[in-house]
PDB file of N, CA and C in Angstrom:
ATOM      1  N   UNK A   1       0.845  -1.190   0.000  1.00  0.00           N
ATOM      2  CA  UNK A   1       0.000   0.000   0.000  1.00  0.00           C
ATOM      3  C   UNK A   1       0.886   1.247   0.000  1.00  0.00           C
ATOM      4  N   UNK A   2       0.540   2.207  -0.824  1.00  0.00           N
ATOM      5  CA  UNK A   2       1.259   3.467  -0.859  1.00  0.00           C
ATOM      6  C   UNK A   2       0.998   4.266   0.414  1.00  0.00           C
ATOM      7  N   UNK A   3       1.983   5.038   0.829  1.00  0.00           N
ATOM      8  CA  UNK A   3       1.837   5.866   2.033  1.00  0.00           C
ATOM      9  C   UNK A   3       0.674   6.852   1.874  1.00  0.00           C
ATOM     10  N   UNK A   4       0.420   7.346   0.646  1.00  0.00           N
ATOM     11  CA  UNK A   4      -0.688   8.289   0.443  1.00  0.00           C
ATOM     12  C   UNK A   4      -2.026   7.627   0.772  1.00  0.00           C
ATOM     13  N   UNK A   5      -2.150   6.333   0.505  1.00  0.00           N
ATOM     14  CA  UNK A   5      -3.379   5.611   0.845  1.00  0.00           C
ATOM     15  C   UNK A   5      -3.499   5.415   2.348  1.00  0.00           C
ATOM     16  N   UNK A   6      -2.402   5.134   3.023  1.00  0.00           N
ATOM     17  CA  UNK A   6      -2.406   4.984   4.476  1.00  0.00           C
ATOM     18  C   UNK A   6      -2.880   6.270   5.161  1.00  0.00           C
ATOM     19  N   UNK A   7      -2.467   7.415   4.621  1.00  0.00           N
ATOM     20  CA  UNK A   7      -2.829   8.710   5.199  1.00  0.00           C
ATOM     21  C   UNK A   7      -4.173   9.230   4.707  1.00  0.00           C
ATOM     22  N   UNK A   8      -4.768   8.581   3.700  1.00  0.00           N
ATOM     23  CA  UNK A   8      -6.048   9.025   3.154  1.00  0.00           C
ATOM     24  C   UNK A   8      -5.935  10.148   2.146  1.00  0.00           C
ATOM     25  N   UNK A   9      -4.725  10.445   1.708  1.00  0.00           N
ATOM     26  CA  UNK A   9      -4.510  11.533   0.755  1.00  0.00           C
ATOM     27  C   UNK A   9      -5.183  11.227  -0.581  1.00  0.00           C
ATOM     28  N   UNK A  10      -5.209   9.962  -0.946  1.00  0.00           N
ATOM     29  CA  UNK A  10      -5.818   9.572  -2.220  1.00  0.00           C
ATOM     30  C   UNK A  10      -7.323   9.822  -2.251  1.00  0.00           C
ATOM     31  N   UNK A  11      -7.939  10.076  -1.105  1.00  0.00           N
ATOM     32  CA  UNK A  11      -9.380  10.329  -1.023  1.00  0.00           C
ATOM     33  C   UNK A  11      -9.727  11.821  -0.908  1.00  0.00           C
ATOM     34  N   UNK A  12      -8.714  12.686  -0.823  1.00  0.00           N
ATOM     35  CA  UNK A  12      -8.963  14.120  -0.662  1.00  0.00           C
ATOM     36  C   UNK A  12      -9.442  14.742  -1.970  1.00  0.00           C
ATOM     37  N   UNK A  13     -10.437  15.631  -1.908  1.00  0.00           N
ATOM     38  CA  UNK A  13     -10.784  16.389  -3.116  1.00  0.00           C
ATOM     39  C   UNK A  13      -9.670  17.392  -3.410  1.00  0.00           C
ATOM     40  N   UNK A  14      -9.526  17.764  -4.662  1.00  0.00           N
ATOM     41  CA  UNK A  14      -8.450  18.680  -5.034  1.00  0.00           C
ATOM     42  C   UNK A  14      -8.652  20.090  -4.500  1.00  0.00           C
ATOM     43  N   UNK A  15      -9.835  20.386  -3.971  1.00  0.00           N
ATOM     44  CA  UNK A  15     -10.053  21.713  -3.383  1.00  0.00           C
ATOM     45  C   UNK A  15     -10.121  21.629  -1.859  1.00  0.00           C
ATOM     46  N   UNK A  16      -9.446  20.652  -1.279  1.00  0.00           N
ATOM     47  CA  UNK A  16      -9.492  20.455   0.172  1.00  0.00           C
ATOM     48  C   UNK A  16      -8.592  21.439   0.908  1.00  0.00           C
ATOM     49  N   UNK A  17      -9.081  21.904   2.042  1.00  0.00           N
ATOM     50  CA  UNK A  17      -8.252  22.578   3.027  1.00  0.00           C
ATOM     51  C   UNK A  17      -7.903  21.500   4.039  1.00  0.00           C
ATOM     52  N   UNK A  18      -6.598  21.336   4.304  1.00  0.00           N
ATOM     53  CA  UNK A  18      -6.164  20.234   5.161  1.00  0.00           C
ATOM     54  C   UNK A  18      -5.321  20.720   6.331  1.00  0.00           C
ATOM     55  N   UNK A  19      -5.322  19.894   7.353  1.00  0.00           N
ATOM     56  CA  UNK A  19      -4.405  20.077   8.486  1.00  0.00           C
ATOM     57  C   UNK A  19      -3.420  18.923   8.405  1.00  0.00           C
ATOM     58  N   UNK A  20      -2.145  19.237   8.290  1.00  0.00           N
ATOM     59  CA  UNK A  20      -1.092  18.237   8.216  1.00  0.00           C
ATOM     60  C   UNK A  20      -0.325  18.278   9.528  1.00  0.00           C
ATOM     61  N   UNK A  21      -0.366  17.187  10.276  1.00  0.00           N
ATOM     62  CA  UNK A  21       0.370  17.069  11.531  1.00  0.00           C
ATOM     63  C   UNK A  21       1.651  16.295  11.263  1.00  0.00           C
ATOM     64  N   UNK A  22       2.779  16.921  11.574  1.00  0.00           N
ATOM     65  CA  UNK A  22       4.068  16.294  11.323  1.00  0.00           C
ATOM     66  C   UNK A  22       4.531  15.503  12.540  1.00  0.00           C
ATOM     67  N   UNK A  23       5.419  14.567  12.301  1.00  0.00           N
ATOM     68  CA  UNK A  23       5.941  13.720  13.376  1.00  0.00           C
ATOM     69  C   UNK A  23       6.735  14.517  14.407  1.00  0.00           C
ATOM     70  N   UNK A  24       7.286  15.684  14.002  1.00  0.00           N
ATOM     71  CA  UNK A  24       8.061  16.502  14.940  1.00  0.00           C
ATOM     72  C   UNK A  24       7.188  17.460  15.766  1.00  0.00           C
ATOM     73  N   UNK A  25       5.843  17.358  15.605  1.00  0.00           N
ATOM     74  CA  UNK A  25       4.929  18.180  16.388  1.00  0.00           C
ATOM     75  C   UNK A  25       4.440  19.431  15.680  1.00  0.00           C
ATOM     76  N   UNK A  26       5.048  19.819  14.577  1.00  0.00           N
ATOM     77  CA  UNK A  26       4.592  20.986  13.822  1.00  0.00           C
ATOM     78  C   UNK A  26       3.324  20.628  13.058  1.00  0.00           C
ATOM     79  N   UNK A  27       2.570  21.662  12.678  1.00  0.00           N
ATOM     80  CA  UNK A  27       1.338  21.453  11.915  1.00  0.00           C
ATOM     81  C   UNK A  27       1.194  22.559  10.878  1.00  0.00           C
ATOM     82  N   UNK A  28       0.595  22.204   9.749  1.00  0.00           N
ATOM     83  CA  UNK A  28       0.281  23.146   8.684  1.00  0.00           C
ATOM     84  C   UNK A  28      -1.213  23.050   8.415  1.00  0.00           C
ATOM     85  N   UNK A  29      -1.876  24.197   8.220  1.00  0.00           N
ATOM     86  CA  UNK A  29      -3.258  24.215   7.757  1.00  0.00           C
ATOM     87  C   UNK A  29      -3.264  25.061   6.492  1.00  0.00           C
ATOM     88  N   UNK A  30      -3.715  24.451   5.394  1.00  0.00           N
ATOM     89  CA  UNK A  30      -3.713  25.179   4.136  1.00  0.00           C
ATOM     90  C   UNK A  30      -4.389  24.402   3.029  1.00  0.00           C
ATOM     91  N   UNK A  31      -4.267  24.912   1.820  1.00  0.00           N
ATOM     92  CA  UNK A  31      -4.883  24.316   0.641  1.00  0.00           C
ATOM     93  C   UNK A  31      -4.041  23.149   0.134  1.00  0.00           C
ATOM     94  N   UNK A  32      -4.658  22.000  -0.042  1.00  0.00           N
ATOM     95  CA  UNK A  32      -4.007  20.842  -0.652  1.00  0.00           C
ATOM     96  C   UNK A  32      -3.852  21.133  -2.132  1.00  0.00           C
ATOM     97  N   UNK A  33      -2.604  21.131  -2.633  1.00  0.00           N
ATOM     98  CA  UNK A  33      -2.384  21.497  -4.028  1.00  0.00           C
ATOM     99  C   UNK A  33      -1.968  20.332  -4.913  1.00  0.00           C
ATOM    100  N   UNK A  34      -1.264  19.340  -4.366  1.00  0.00           N
ATOM    101  CA  UNK A  34      -0.843  18.219  -5.200  1.00  0.00           C
ATOM    102  C   UNK A  34      -0.263  17.079  -4.390  1.00  0.00           C
ATOM    103  N   UNK A  35      -0.165  15.957  -5.046  1.00  0.00           N
ATOM    104  CA  UNK A  35       0.544  14.789  -4.532  1.00  0.00           C
ATOM    105  C   UNK A  35       1.528  14.371  -5.606  1.00  0.00           C
ATOM    106  N   UNK A  36       2.761  14.068  -5.228  1.00  0.00           N
ATOM    107  CA  UNK A  36       3.776  13.609  -6.165  1.00  0.00           C
ATOM    108  C   UNK A  36       4.253  12.234  -5.733  1.00  0.00           C
ATOM    109  N   UNK A  37       4.205  11.275  -6.649  1.00  0.00           N
ATOM    110  CA  UNK A  37       4.627   9.908  -6.332  1.00  0.00           C
ATOM    111  C   UNK A  37       6.136   9.853  -6.117  1.00  0.00           C
ATOM    112  N   UNK A  38       6.573   8.812  -5.448  1.00  0.00           N
ATOM    113  CA  UNK A  38       8.010   8.604  -5.230  1.00  0.00           C
ATOM    114  C   UNK A  38       8.743   8.473  -6.557  1.00  0.00           C
ATOM    115  N   UNK A  39       8.136   7.793  -7.510  1.00  0.00           N
ATOM    116  CA  UNK A  39       8.754   7.596  -8.818  1.00  0.00           C
ATOM    117  C   UNK A  39       8.969   8.927  -9.542  1.00  0.00           C
ATOM    118  N   UNK A  40       7.973   9.824  -9.455  1.00  0.00           N
ATOM    119  CA  UNK A  40       8.084  11.131 -10.111  1.00  0.00           C
ATOM    120  C   UNK A  40       8.958  12.117  -9.338  1.00  0.00           C
ATOM    121  N   UNK A  41       9.289  11.782  -8.087  1.00  0.00           N
ATOM    122  CA  UNK A  41       9.999  12.711  -7.215  1.00  0.00           C
ATOM    123  C   UNK A  41      11.367  12.171  -6.803  1.00  0.00           C
ATOM    124  N   UNK A  42      11.906  11.225  -7.583  1.00  0.00           N
ATOM    125  CA  UNK A  42      13.198  10.637  -7.221  1.00  0.00           C
ATOM    126  C   UNK A  42      14.265  11.705  -7.104  1.00  0.00           C
ATOM    127  N   UNK A  43      15.150  11.627  -6.182  1.00  0.00           N
ATOM    128  CA  UNK A  43      15.321  10.577  -5.182  1.00  0.00           C
ATOM    129  C   UNK A  43      14.628  10.869  -3.854  1.00  0.00           C
ATOM    130  N   UNK A  44      13.756  11.882  -3.819  1.00  0.00           N
ATOM    131  CA  UNK A  44      13.216  12.367  -2.550  1.00  0.00           C
ATOM    132  C   UNK A  44      12.054  11.571  -1.965  1.00  0.00           C
ATOM    133  N   UNK A  45      11.252  10.914  -2.754  1.00  0.00           N
ATOM    134  CA  UNK A  45      10.110  10.176  -2.222  1.00  0.00           C
ATOM    135  C   UNK A  45       8.801  10.934  -2.370  1.00  0.00           C
ATOM    136  N   UNK A  46       7.702  10.261  -1.948  1.00  0.00           N
ATOM    137  CA  UNK A  46       6.352  10.828  -2.063  1.00  0.00           C
ATOM    138  C   UNK A  46       6.243  12.137  -1.295  1.00  0.00           C
ATOM    139  N   UNK A  47       5.475  13.079  -1.857  1.00  0.00           N
ATOM    140  CA  UNK A  47       5.262  14.347  -1.162  1.00  0.00           C
ATOM    141  C   UNK A  47       3.897  14.912  -1.518  1.00  0.00           C
ATOM    142  N   UNK A  48       3.458  15.859  -0.714  1.00  0.00           N
ATOM    143  CA  UNK A  48       2.253  16.612  -1.027  1.00  0.00           C
ATOM    144  C   UNK A  48       2.611  18.094  -1.016  1.00  0.00           C
ATOM    145  N   UNK A  49       1.791  18.859  -1.723  1.00  0.00           N
ATOM    146  CA  UNK A  49       1.932  20.307  -1.721  1.00  0.00           C
ATOM    147  C   UNK A  49       0.823  20.917  -0.882  1.00  0.00           C
ATOM    148  N   UNK A  50       1.190  21.877  -0.049  1.00  0.00           N
ATOM    149  CA  UNK A  50       0.231  22.596   0.790  1.00  0.00           C
ATOM    150  C   UNK A  50       0.535  24.084   0.668  1.00  0.00           C
ATOM    151  N   UNK A  51      -0.493  24.881   0.327  1.00  0.00           N
ATOM    152  CA  UNK A  51      -0.338  26.333   0.211  1.00  0.00           C
ATOM    153  C   UNK A  51      -0.881  26.974   1.483  1.00  0.00           C
ATOM    154  N   UNK A  52       0.003  27.676   2.187  1.00  0.00           N
ATOM    155  CA  UNK A  52      -0.362  28.356   3.433  1.00  0.00           C
ATOM    156  C   UNK A  52      -0.057  29.838   3.259  1.00  0.00           C
ATOM    157  N   UNK A  53      -1.092  30.675   3.337  1.00  0.00           N
ATOM    158  CA  UNK A  53      -0.929  32.126   3.179  1.00  0.00           C
ATOM    159  C   UNK A  53      -0.148  32.480   1.914  1.00  0.00           C
ATOM    160  N   UNK A  54      -0.453  31.781   0.810  1.00  0.00           N
ATOM    161  CA  UNK A  54       0.176  32.076  -0.469  1.00  0.00           C
ATOM    162  C   UNK A  54       1.549  31.456  -0.686  1.00  0.00           C
ATOM    163  N   UNK A  55       2.074  30.766   0.315  1.00  0.00           N
ATOM    164  CA  UNK A  55       3.388  30.124   0.201  1.00  0.00           C
ATOM    165  C   UNK A  55       3.188  28.625   0.032  1.00  0.00           C
ATOM    166  N   UNK A  56       3.831  28.046  -0.996  1.00  0.00           N
ATOM    167  CA  UNK A  56       3.707  26.618  -1.288  1.00  0.00           C
ATOM    168  C   UNK A  56       4.797  25.841  -0.547  1.00  0.00           C
ATOM    169  N   UNK A  57       4.376  24.805   0.183  1.00  0.00           N
ATOM    170  CA  UNK A  57       5.303  23.933   0.902  1.00  0.00           C
ATOM    171  C   UNK A  57       5.228  22.535   0.308  1.00  0.00           C
ATOM    172  N   UNK A  58       6.373  21.889   0.151  1.00  0.00           N
ATOM    173  CA  UNK A  58       6.424  20.484  -0.221  1.00  0.00           C
ATOM    174  C   UNK A  58       6.716  19.713   1.058  1.00  0.00           C
ATOM    175  N   UNK A  59       5.831  18.808   1.416  1.00  0.00           N
ATOM    176  CA  UNK A  59       5.988  18.031   2.639  1.00  0.00           C
ATOM    177  C   UNK A  59       6.105  16.559   2.250  1.00  0.00           C
ATOM    178  N   UNK A  60       7.163  15.925   2.696  1.00  0.00           N
ATOM    179  CA  UNK A  60       7.393  14.528   2.358  1.00  0.00           C
ATOM    180  C   UNK A  60       6.568  13.625   3.267  1.00  0.00           C
ATOM    181  N   UNK A  61       5.989  12.592   2.678  1.00  0.00           N
ATOM    182  CA  UNK A  61       5.054  11.746   3.410  1.00  0.00           C
ATOM    183  C   UNK A  61       5.694  11.032   4.590  1.00  0.00           C
ATOM    184  N   UNK A  62       6.986  10.769   4.542  1.00  0.00           N
ATOM    185  CA  UNK A  62       7.629  10.118   5.680  1.00  0.00           C
ATOM    186  C   UNK A  62       7.756  11.045   6.889  1.00  0.00           C
ATOM    187  N   UNK A  63       7.477  12.348   6.720  1.00  0.00           N
ATOM    188  CA  UNK A  63       7.495  13.322   7.822  1.00  0.00           C
ATOM    189  C   UNK A  63       6.114  13.507   8.463  1.00  0.00           C
ATOM    190  N   UNK A  64       5.071  12.948   7.810  1.00  0.00           N
ATOM    191  CA  UNK A  64       3.691  13.226   8.204  1.00  0.00           C
ATOM    192  C   UNK A  64       3.150  12.180   9.177  1.00  0.00           C
ATOM    193  N   UNK A  65       2.548  12.668  10.244  1.00  0.00           N
ATOM    194  CA  UNK A  65       1.854  11.808  11.209  1.00  0.00           C
ATOM    195  C   UNK A  65       0.409  11.569  10.771  1.00  0.00           C
ATOM    196  N   UNK A  66      -0.293  12.674  10.370  1.00  0.00           N
ATOM    197  CA  UNK A  66      -1.687  12.538   9.941  1.00  0.00           C
ATOM    198  C   UNK A  66      -2.078  13.706   9.045  1.00  0.00           C
ATOM    199  N   UNK A  67      -3.136  13.466   8.252  1.00  0.00           N
ATOM    200  CA  UNK A  67      -3.702  14.491   7.379  1.00  0.00           C
ATOM    201  C   UNK A  67      -5.215  14.463   7.577  1.00  0.00           C
ATOM    202  N   UNK A  68      -5.811  15.629   7.845  1.00  0.00           N
ATOM    203  CA  UNK A  68      -7.247  15.722   8.085  1.00  0.00           C
ATOM    204  C   UNK A  68      -7.815  16.825   7.203  1.00  0.00           C
ATOM    205  N   UNK A  69      -8.863  16.512   6.460  1.00  0.00           N
ATOM    206  CA  UNK A  69      -9.562  17.541   5.690  1.00  0.00           C
ATOM    207  C   UNK A  69     -10.410  18.362   6.659  1.00  0.00           C
ATOM    208  N   UNK A  70     -10.290  19.698   6.570  1.00  0.00           N
ATOM    209  CA  UNK A  70     -11.028  20.581   7.464  1.00  0.00           C
ATOM    210  C   UNK A  70     -12.007  21.473   6.714  1.00  0.00           C
ATOM    211  N   UNK A  71     -12.048  21.341   5.389  1.00  0.00           N
ATOM    212  CA  UNK A  71     -12.971  22.143   4.589  1.00  0.00           C
ATOM    213  C   UNK A  71     -12.560  22.109   3.137  1.00  0.00           C
ATOM    214  N   UNK A  72     -13.114  23.036   2.364  1.00  0.00           N
ATOM    215  CA  UNK A  72     -12.755  23.178   0.959  1.00  0.00           C
ATOM    216  C   UNK A  72     -12.522  24.655   0.658  1.00  0.00           C
ATOM    217  N   UNK A  73     -11.856  24.908  -0.436  1.00  0.00           N
ATOM    218  CA  UNK A  73     -11.643  26.303  -0.855  1.00  0.00           C
ATOM    219  C   UNK A  73     -12.266  26.555  -2.192  1.00  0.00           C
TER     220      UNK A  73
END
């Protein structure tokens, strides 16, 4: 099973507002913008894009504890 399926990312609508809780205790709340497979993102691994206050962040799935949809944009 892909890590994106474990986290439920594959079920998110493309206009989701999400809360991403990281393993180090940090959290991001923002617009879900994309998912990139490990194959397409070599050598870095699977990641998601989250836009927070107009700034795009790439977050690697191995850093993520949980992802929760909190709304849509």
